């Protein structure tokens, strides 16, 4: 089994490299500087040379607010890049695993989103990610689209690390409480991708298509922050008290890009297909000291 990973410096790409290093699979991981996925010729040359069995695309433009002004760049990375990878994968009869997002939905549903729920992204980031999904699906039948949400891990930038950093210097933090979703531990996402890869490598019939994988229980950003600081306090990470948290509304914290009020993803399909349970984000927070920079 040979695997090619893009977005090697990202949260999920970093975890994939660590886990692949523990397997006896051949793999190559590329950062943005090493492989520009928006360049079809560069992608084709690399894929033709390495001839992987699976391409895992963990590269993405994720600056949600900046995407409102940098639309061309967002689409280049989130649509054109996956298109190039899907074509190159098909050219060597490889599968493509592509990571997507809860932002492809409007966020106004009452329950958790299933894979076949209507998409209706409300910001450029979400629109560009949906365009990437559609391109991969159209180009290469051997595809896994893995939608996830609220990703956090020990590597890279994320909500957990931001909370820990701000909590050191602030006595009060205002946290949005009317957006609910599914925090997802990056290491768990990497594990699931490799579970599917293992399934495929063993020659088992692989149900290609779109899947949701995220954490449970569902929680608001405010509730997530409370859990973070509970662990910070128990671990004694600060010499000062943890900050007071104030619950605020989305309207009180305006941003250039519209966020989904409901980012809850239903993960039953992937559990039934591949036997993987949702990410236990609260368990991941137990090792809170690992998130301190």
Protein backbone atom coordinates (compact mmCIF):
# COMPACT_ATOMS: atom_id res chain seq x y z
CA UNK A 1 0.00 0.00 0.00
CA UNK A 2 1.44 3.35 -1.08
CA UNK A 3 -0.12 6.57 0.15
CA UNK A 4 0.45 10.16 -0.89
CA UNK A 5 -0.52 12.85 1.64
CA UNK A 6 -0.97 16.52 0.80
CA UNK A 7 -1.20 19.29 3.39
CA UNK A 8 1.52 17.66 5.49
CA UNK A 9 1.91 20.70 7.77
CA UNK A 10 -1.78 20.89 8.67
CA UNK A 11 -3.43 19.43 11.74
CA UNK A 12 -4.65 16.26 10.03
CA UNK A 13 -1.67 15.93 7.71
CA UNK A 14 0.67 16.02 10.71
CA UNK A 15 -1.28 13.24 12.44
CA UNK A 16 -1.37 11.17 9.27
CA UNK A 17 2.41 11.27 9.02
CA UNK A 18 2.81 10.18 12.63
CA UNK A 19 0.42 7.26 12.23
CA UNK A 20 1.71 6.18 8.83
CA UNK A 21 5.20 6.17 10.30
CA UNK A 22 4.03 3.45 12.68
CA UNK A 23 2.74 1.27 9.82
CA UNK A 24 4.77 -0.61 7.24
CA UNK A 25 3.12 1.23 4.38
CA UNK A 26 5.14 3.34 1.99
CA UNK A 27 4.02 6.95 2.10
CA UNK A 28 5.06 10.36 0.86
CA UNK A 29 3.85 13.56 2.50
CA UNK A 30 4.05 16.98 0.88
CA UNK A 31 3.72 20.45 2.34
CA UNK A 32 2.32 23.32 0.29
CA UNK A 33 5.88 24.45 -0.45
CA UNK A 34 6.77 20.99 -1.74
CA UNK A 35 3.65 20.41 -3.83
CA UNK A 36 1.31 23.14 -5.02
CA UNK A 37 -1.92 21.25 -5.60
CA UNK A 38 -3.28 24.16 -7.65
CA UNK A 39 -0.64 23.36 -10.32
CA UNK A 40 -2.01 20.47 -12.42
CA UNK A 41 1.32 19.74 -14.08
CA UNK A 42 3.17 19.53 -10.75
CA UNK A 43 0.48 17.26 -9.34
CA UNK A 44 0.52 14.99 -12.39
CA UNK A 45 4.30 14.66 -12.37
CA UNK A 46 4.46 13.71 -8.68
CA UNK A 47 1.60 11.22 -8.93
CA UNK A 48 2.94 9.62 -12.11
CA UNK A 49 6.34 9.23 -10.45
CA UNK A 50 5.12 7.84 -7.13
CA UNK A 51 2.07 5.93 -8.42
CA UNK A 52 0.30 5.78 -5.06
CA UNK A 53 -2.65 3.51 -4.29
CA UNK A 54 -4.39 6.27 -2.33
CA UNK A 55 -4.08 10.06 -2.31
CA UNK A 56 -5.22 11.64 0.95
CA UNK A 57 -5.89 15.33 0.41
CA UNK A 58 -5.46 17.10 3.73
CA UNK A 59 -4.56 20.40 2.05
CA UNK A 60 -7.08 23.23 2.26
CA UNK A 61 -7.55 26.96 2.42
CA UNK A 62 -9.11 27.32 5.89
CA UNK A 63 -8.97 31.07 6.62
CA UNK A 64 -12.76 31.36 6.79
CA UNK A 65 -12.97 35.15 7.14
CA UNK A 66 -10.10 35.99 4.79
CA UNK A 67 -11.77 33.86 2.11
CA UNK A 68 -14.44 36.55 1.74
CA UNK A 69 -11.73 38.80 0.24
CA UNK A 70 -9.50 36.07 -1.20
CA UNK A 71 -12.12 34.22 -3.19
CA UNK A 72 -9.83 33.28 -6.07
CA UNK A 73 -7.25 31.77 -3.74
CA UNK A 74 -9.89 29.90 -1.73
CA UNK A 75 -11.31 28.34 -4.91
CA UNK A 76 -7.85 27.60 -6.30
CA UNK A 77 -6.93 25.53 -3.24
CA UNK A 78 -10.34 24.12 -2.26
CA UNK A 79 -11.76 23.38 -5.73
CA UNK A 80 -8.98 23.36 -8.32
CA UNK A 81 -6.53 21.50 -6.09
CA UNK A 82 -8.84 18.56 -5.36
CA UNK A 83 -9.80 18.48 -9.05
CA UNK A 84 -6.15 18.12 -10.03
CA UNK A 85 -5.56 15.42 -7.43
CA UNK A 86 -8.67 13.48 -8.46
CA UNK A 87 -7.61 13.51 -12.13
CA UNK A 88 -4.07 12.45 -11.27
CA UNK A 89 -5.35 9.68 -8.99
CA UNK A 90 -7.64 8.37 -11.71
CA UNK A 91 -4.70 8.37 -14.12
CA UNK A 92 -2.87 5.78 -12.01
CA UNK A 93 -6.05 3.96 -10.86
CA UNK A 94 -5.66 5.34 -7.34
CA UNK A 95 -8.39 6.23 -4.86
CA UNK A 96 -8.70 9.75 -3.47
CA UNK A 97 -9.68 10.57 0.11
CA UNK A 98 -10.71 14.20 0.41
CA UNK A 99 -11.42 16.07 3.66
CA UNK A 100 -14.35 18.47 3.67
CA UNK A 101 -16.35 20.45 6.18
CA UNK A 102 -19.65 21.15 7.94
CA UNK A 103 -19.61 24.57 6.23
CA UNK A 104 -21.15 23.01 3.11
CA UNK A 105 -24.48 23.20 5.00
CA UNK A 106 -26.51 26.32 5.77
CA UNK A 107 -26.51 25.59 9.50
CA UNK A 108 -30.20 26.23 10.01
CA UNK A 109 -31.37 22.62 10.42
CA UNK A 110 -32.81 21.49 13.74
CA UNK A 111 -31.03 18.12 14.00
CA UNK A 112 -27.70 16.65 12.98
CA UNK A 113 -26.89 16.72 9.27
CA UNK A 114 -26.80 13.44 7.38
CA UNK A 115 -24.68 12.97 4.28
CA UNK A 116 -27.64 13.35 1.94
CA UNK A 117 -28.98 16.56 3.52
CA UNK A 118 -29.23 19.47 1.06
CA UNK A 119 -26.06 21.56 0.88
CA UNK A 120 -26.29 25.34 0.98
CA UNK A 121 -23.04 26.99 2.08
CA UNK A 122 -23.37 30.54 3.38
CA UNK A 123 -19.79 31.80 2.94
CA UNK A 124 -17.00 31.66 0.37
CA UNK A 125 -15.04 29.08 2.36
CA UNK A 126 -18.02 26.72 2.44
CA UNK A 127 -18.84 27.35 -1.21
CA UNK A 128 -15.27 26.61 -2.28
CA UNK A 129 -15.20 23.41 -0.21
CA UNK A 130 -18.48 22.22 -1.72
CA UNK A 131 -17.08 22.92 -5.19
CA UNK A 132 -14.13 20.70 -4.30
CA UNK A 133 -16.43 17.90 -3.17
CA UNK A 134 -18.42 18.06 -6.39
CA UNK A 135 -15.27 18.04 -8.51
CA UNK A 136 -13.78 15.00 -6.79
CA UNK A 137 -17.09 13.14 -7.05
CA UNK A 138 -17.40 13.93 -10.76
CA UNK A 139 -13.82 13.05 -11.69
CA UNK A 140 -12.96 9.87 -9.77
CA UNK A 141 -15.44 7.15 -8.81
CA UNK A 142 -12.97 5.76 -6.26
CA UNK A 143 -13.40 8.54 -3.72
CA UNK A 144 -14.08 9.08 -0.05
CA UNK A 145 -15.32 12.56 0.90
CA UNK A 146 -14.91 12.90 4.67
CA UNK A 147 -16.75 15.86 6.14
CA UNK A 148 -15.65 16.88 9.61
CA UNK A 149 -15.98 19.88 11.94
CA UNK A 150 -14.30 21.93 14.66
CA UNK A 151 -10.94 20.21 14.24
CA UNK A 152 -8.41 20.51 17.06
CA UNK A 153 -5.12 18.85 17.90
CA UNK A 154 -1.71 19.37 19.45
CA UNK A 155 -0.25 20.63 16.15
CA UNK A 156 -1.29 23.80 14.35
CA UNK A 157 -3.82 26.48 15.21
CA UNK A 158 -7.22 25.66 16.67
CA UNK A 159 -9.84 26.71 19.22
CA UNK A 160 -8.38 24.72 22.11
CA UNK A 161 -4.92 26.22 21.77
CA UNK A 162 -6.40 29.70 21.32
CA UNK A 163 -8.40 29.33 24.54
CA UNK A 164 -5.34 28.19 26.49
CA UNK A 165 -3.28 31.08 25.13
CA UNK A 166 -5.92 33.74 25.80
CA UNK A 167 -6.73 32.32 29.22
CA UNK A 168 -3.18 33.00 30.35
CA UNK A 169 -3.47 36.73 29.72
CA UNK A 170 -7.18 37.53 30.14
CA UNK A 171 -9.47 37.38 33.14
CA UNK A 172 -12.69 37.38 31.11
CA UNK A 173 -13.49 35.75 27.78
CA UNK A 174 -16.67 36.20 25.74
CA UNK A 175 -17.57 32.98 23.92
CA UNK A 176 -20.34 32.40 21.38
CA UNK A 177 -23.04 30.15 22.84
CA UNK A 178 -25.62 29.96 20.04
CA UNK A 179 -23.52 27.94 17.57
CA UNK A 180 -23.52 24.19 18.22
CA UNK A 181 -21.36 21.57 16.65
CA UNK A 182 -19.01 18.63 16.88
CA UNK A 183 -15.45 19.15 18.14
CA UNK A 184 -13.23 16.58 16.45
CA UNK A 185 -9.76 15.47 17.52
CA UNK A 186 -7.37 15.57 14.54
CA UNK A 187 -5.66 12.34 15.57
CA UNK A 188 -9.01 10.53 15.41
CA UNK A 189 -9.66 11.85 11.89
CA UNK A 190 -6.31 10.48 10.74
CA UNK A 191 -7.10 7.12 12.35
CA UNK A 192 -10.42 6.88 10.53
CA UNK A 193 -8.85 7.71 7.18
CA UNK A 194 -6.34 4.91 7.72
CA UNK A 195 -9.07 2.48 8.83
CA UNK A 196 -10.73 3.07 5.46
CA UNK A 197 -7.36 2.77 3.71
CA UNK A 198 -6.72 -0.54 5.49
CA UNK A 199 -10.15 -1.78 4.43
CA UNK A 200 -9.34 -0.93 0.81
CA UNK A 201 -5.83 -2.39 0.98
CA UNK A 202 -7.23 -5.75 2.07
CA UNK A 203 -9.26 -5.94 -1.12
CA UNK A 204 -12.60 -5.66 0.63
CA UNK A 205 -15.49 -4.08 -1.28
CA UNK A 206 -15.22 -0.39 -0.45
CA UNK A 207 -18.43 1.65 -0.37
CA UNK A 208 -17.16 4.82 -2.01
CA UNK A 209 -18.93 8.10 -1.38
CA UNK A 210 -19.44 10.86 1.17
CA UNK A 211 -19.20 10.31 4.92
CA UNK A 212 -19.42 12.36 8.09
CA UNK A 213 -16.92 11.93 10.90
CA UNK A 214 -16.83 14.24 13.90
CA UNK A 215 -16.97 14.30 17.68
CA UNK A 216 -19.69 13.75 20.23
CA UNK A 217 -21.37 14.88 22.37
CA UNK A 218 -22.55 17.97 20.50
CA UNK A 219 -21.74 21.22 22.26
CA UNK A 220 -21.66 25.00 21.79
CA UNK A 221 -18.41 26.95 21.53
CA UNK A 222 -19.16 28.22 25.03
CA UNK A 223 -19.63 24.69 26.32
CA UNK A 224 -16.46 23.57 24.55
CA UNK A 225 -14.50 26.41 26.18
CA UNK A 226 -15.85 25.46 29.60
CA UNK A 227 -14.57 21.91 29.12
CA UNK A 228 -11.16 23.22 28.03
CA UNK A 229 -10.79 25.38 31.13
CA UNK A 230 -12.04 22.63 33.43
CA UNK A 231 -9.11 20.53 32.22
CA UNK A 232 -6.72 23.51 32.42
CA UNK A 233 -7.71 24.07 36.03
CA UNK A 234 -7.46 20.42 37.00
CA UNK A 235 -4.02 20.18 35.40
CA UNK A 236 -2.81 23.31 37.18
CA UNK A 237 -1.52 24.88 33.97
CA UNK A 238 -1.94 28.47 35.14
CA UNK A 239 -0.48 30.32 38.12
CA UNK A 240 -3.61 32.52 38.02
CA UNK A 241 -7.29 31.55 38.11
CA UNK A 242 -8.88 30.42 34.84
CA UNK A 243 -10.81 33.22 33.14
CA UNK A 244 -14.47 33.94 33.66
CA UNK A 245 -16.47 32.86 30.60
CA UNK A 246 -19.38 34.96 29.37
CA UNK A 247 -21.87 33.40 26.95
CA UNK A 248 -22.63 35.73 24.02
CA UNK A 249 -24.62 35.51 20.80
CA UNK A 250 -23.32 35.36 17.24
CA UNK A 251 -24.78 38.85 16.73
CA UNK A 252 -22.54 40.14 19.51
CA UNK A 253 -19.44 38.76 17.77
CA UNK A 254 -19.80 39.72 14.08
CA UNK A 255 -17.38 38.19 11.57
CA UNK A 256 -16.89 38.77 7.82
CA UNK A 257 -17.99 35.20 7.04
CA UNK A 258 -21.27 33.73 8.24
CA UNK A 259 -20.82 30.70 10.51
CA UNK A 260 -23.31 27.81 10.65
CA UNK A 261 -25.47 27.99 13.77
CA UNK A 262 -25.76 24.21 13.58
CA UNK A 263 -22.60 22.28 12.69
CA UNK A 264 -23.77 18.95 14.10
CA UNK A 265 -22.90 16.03 11.84
CA UNK A 266 -24.61 12.65 11.95
CA UNK A 267 -21.92 9.93 11.87
CA UNK A 268 -24.02 6.75 11.69
CA UNK A 269 -23.15 6.01 8.06
CA UNK A 270 -19.39 5.69 8.57
CA UNK A 271 -19.92 3.74 11.79
CA UNK A 272 -22.06 1.21 9.92
CA UNK A 273 -19.74 1.01 6.90
CA UNK A 274 -16.36 0.86 8.63
CA UNK A 275 -17.07 0.24 12.33
CA UNK A 276 -15.68 3.52 13.65
CA UNK A 277 -17.28 5.41 16.53
CA UNK A 278 -17.48 9.23 16.70
CA UNK A 279 -14.46 11.08 18.07
CA UNK A 280 -14.41 11.35 21.87
CA UNK A 281 -13.27 14.95 22.12
CA UNK A 282 -13.61 15.13 25.90
CA UNK A 283 -11.19 12.24 26.27
CA UNK A 284 -8.71 14.01 23.97
CA UNK A 285 -8.79 17.06 26.27
CA UNK A 286 -7.66 14.96 29.25
CA UNK A 287 -4.08 15.40 28.06
CA UNK A 288 -4.53 19.18 28.04
CA UNK A 289 -0.87 19.95 28.75
CA UNK A 290 0.01 18.59 25.28
CA UNK A 291 -1.89 21.53 23.74
CA UNK A 292 0.24 24.18 25.47
CA UNK A 293 2.69 25.94 23.17
